[in-house]
């Protein structure tokens, strides 16, 4: 099991900025199973993502 601190987790808005897509596109990617949240925060179930995974995705997308 991998443990993360709060600095390793980012929200949907930051994911969008890092991968160069809109927030709506990020949400569509989650719905399509292309992105998987690392977890959820609070009663509103705010999605959080692993910063390392998103940065790796951005590097891979840039290499295409």
C-alpha atoms as a PDB file:
ATOM      1  CA  UNK A   1       0.000   0.000   0.000  1.00  0.00           C
ATOM      2  CA  UNK A   2       1.339   3.413  -0.937  1.00  0.00           C
ATOM      3  CA  UNK A   3       0.915   6.274   1.496  1.00  0.00           C
ATOM      4  CA  UNK A   4       0.614   9.852   0.298  1.00  0.00           C
ATOM      5  CA  UNK A   5       0.657  13.115   2.115  1.00  0.00           C
ATOM      6  CA  UNK A   6      -1.662  15.951   1.182  1.00  0.00           C
ATOM      7  CA  UNK A   7       0.996  17.551  -1.040  1.00  0.00           C
ATOM      8  CA  UNK A   8       0.932  14.544  -3.351  1.00  0.00           C
ATOM      9  CA  UNK A   9      -2.768  15.051  -4.117  1.00  0.00           C
ATOM     10  CA  UNK A  10      -4.232  17.629  -6.481  1.00  0.00           C
ATOM     11  CA  UNK A  11      -7.731  18.618  -7.509  1.00  0.00           C
ATOM     12  CA  UNK A  12      -9.472  18.571 -10.865  1.00  0.00           C
ATOM     13  CA  UNK A  13      -8.565  22.185 -11.662  1.00  0.00           C
ATOM     14  CA  UNK A  14      -4.845  21.487 -11.177  1.00  0.00           C
ATOM     15  CA  UNK A  15      -5.081  18.301 -13.246  1.00  0.00           C
ATOM     16  CA  UNK A  16      -6.589  20.336 -16.083  1.00  0.00           C
ATOM     17  CA  UNK A  17      -3.786  22.895 -15.876  1.00  0.00           C
ATOM     18  CA  UNK A  18      -1.026  20.265 -15.836  1.00  0.00           C
ATOM     19  CA  UNK A  19      -2.339  18.236 -18.780  1.00  0.00           C
ATOM     20  CA  UNK A  20      -3.448  21.288 -20.758  1.00  0.00           C
ATOM     21  CA  UNK A  21      -7.120  20.393 -20.934  1.00  0.00           C
ATOM     22  CA  UNK A  22     -10.301  21.961 -19.574  1.00  0.00           C
ATOM     23  CA  UNK A  23     -11.823  20.943 -16.246  1.00  0.00           C
ATOM     24  CA  UNK A  24     -14.824  19.565 -18.159  1.00  0.00           C
ATOM     25  CA  UNK A  25     -12.516  17.384 -20.260  1.00  0.00           C
ATOM     26  CA  UNK A  26     -10.856  16.044 -17.108  1.00  0.00           C
ATOM     27  CA  UNK A  27     -14.291  15.117 -15.735  1.00  0.00           C
ATOM     28  CA  UNK A  28     -15.162  13.403 -19.035  1.00  0.00           C
ATOM     29  CA  UNK A  29     -11.888  11.475 -18.838  1.00  0.00           C
ATOM     30  CA  UNK A  30     -12.843  10.279 -15.348  1.00  0.00           C
ATOM     31  CA  UNK A  31     -16.289   9.189 -16.581  1.00  0.00           C
ATOM     32  CA  UNK A  32     -14.684   7.326 -19.499  1.00  0.00           C
ATOM     33  CA  UNK A  33     -12.245   5.558 -17.186  1.00  0.00           C
ATOM     34  CA  UNK A  34      -9.211   7.280 -18.703  1.00  0.00           C
ATOM     35  CA  UNK A  35      -8.322   8.916 -15.367  1.00  0.00           C
ATOM     36  CA  UNK A  36      -8.831   7.421 -11.938  1.00  0.00           C
ATOM     37  CA  UNK A  37      -8.996   9.602  -8.822  1.00  0.00           C
ATOM     38  CA  UNK A  38      -6.669   8.622  -5.973  1.00  0.00           C
ATOM     39  CA  UNK A  39      -9.573   9.273  -3.630  1.00  0.00           C
ATOM     40  CA  UNK A  40     -12.315  11.607  -2.518  1.00  0.00           C
ATOM     41  CA  UNK A  41     -12.394  14.315   0.140  1.00  0.00           C
ATOM     42  CA  UNK A  42     -15.301  15.483   2.258  1.00  0.00           C
ATOM     43  CA  UNK A  43     -19.042  15.067   2.085  1.00  0.00           C
ATOM     44  CA  UNK A  44     -19.149  16.503  -1.426  1.00  0.00           C
ATOM     45  CA  UNK A  45     -16.819  13.733  -2.631  1.00  0.00           C
ATOM     46  CA  UNK A  46     -14.285  16.094  -4.168  1.00  0.00           C
ATOM     47  CA  UNK A  47     -11.973  14.100  -6.446  1.00  0.00           C
ATOM     48  CA  UNK A  48      -8.239  14.190  -5.789  1.00  0.00           C
ATOM     49  CA  UNK A  49      -5.546  12.759  -8.017  1.00  0.00           C
ATOM     50  CA  UNK A  50      -1.953  11.653  -7.547  1.00  0.00           C
ATOM     51  CA  UNK A  51       0.319  14.500  -8.658  1.00  0.00           C
ATOM     52  CA  UNK A  52       2.986  12.005  -9.795  1.00  0.00           C
ATOM     53  CA  UNK A  53       0.525  10.072 -11.978  1.00  0.00           C
ATOM     54  CA  UNK A  54      -0.828  13.246 -13.580  1.00  0.00           C
ATOM     55  CA  UNK A  55       2.658  14.616 -14.243  1.00  0.00           C
ATOM     56  CA  UNK A  56       3.625  11.274 -15.832  1.00  0.00           C
ATOM     57  CA  UNK A  57       0.492  11.446 -17.995  1.00  0.00           C
ATOM     58  CA  UNK A  58       1.427  14.977 -19.082  1.00  0.00           C
ATOM     59  CA  UNK A  59       4.947  13.814 -20.020  1.00  0.00           C
ATOM     60  CA  UNK A  60       3.549  10.870 -21.990  1.00  0.00           C
ATOM     61  CA  UNK A  61       0.991  13.071 -23.773  1.00  0.00           C
ATOM     62  CA  UNK A  62       3.759  15.523 -24.658  1.00  0.00           C
ATOM     63  CA  UNK A  63       5.871  12.728 -26.130  1.00  0.00           C
ATOM     64  CA  UNK A  64       3.181  11.792 -28.678  1.00  0.00           C
END
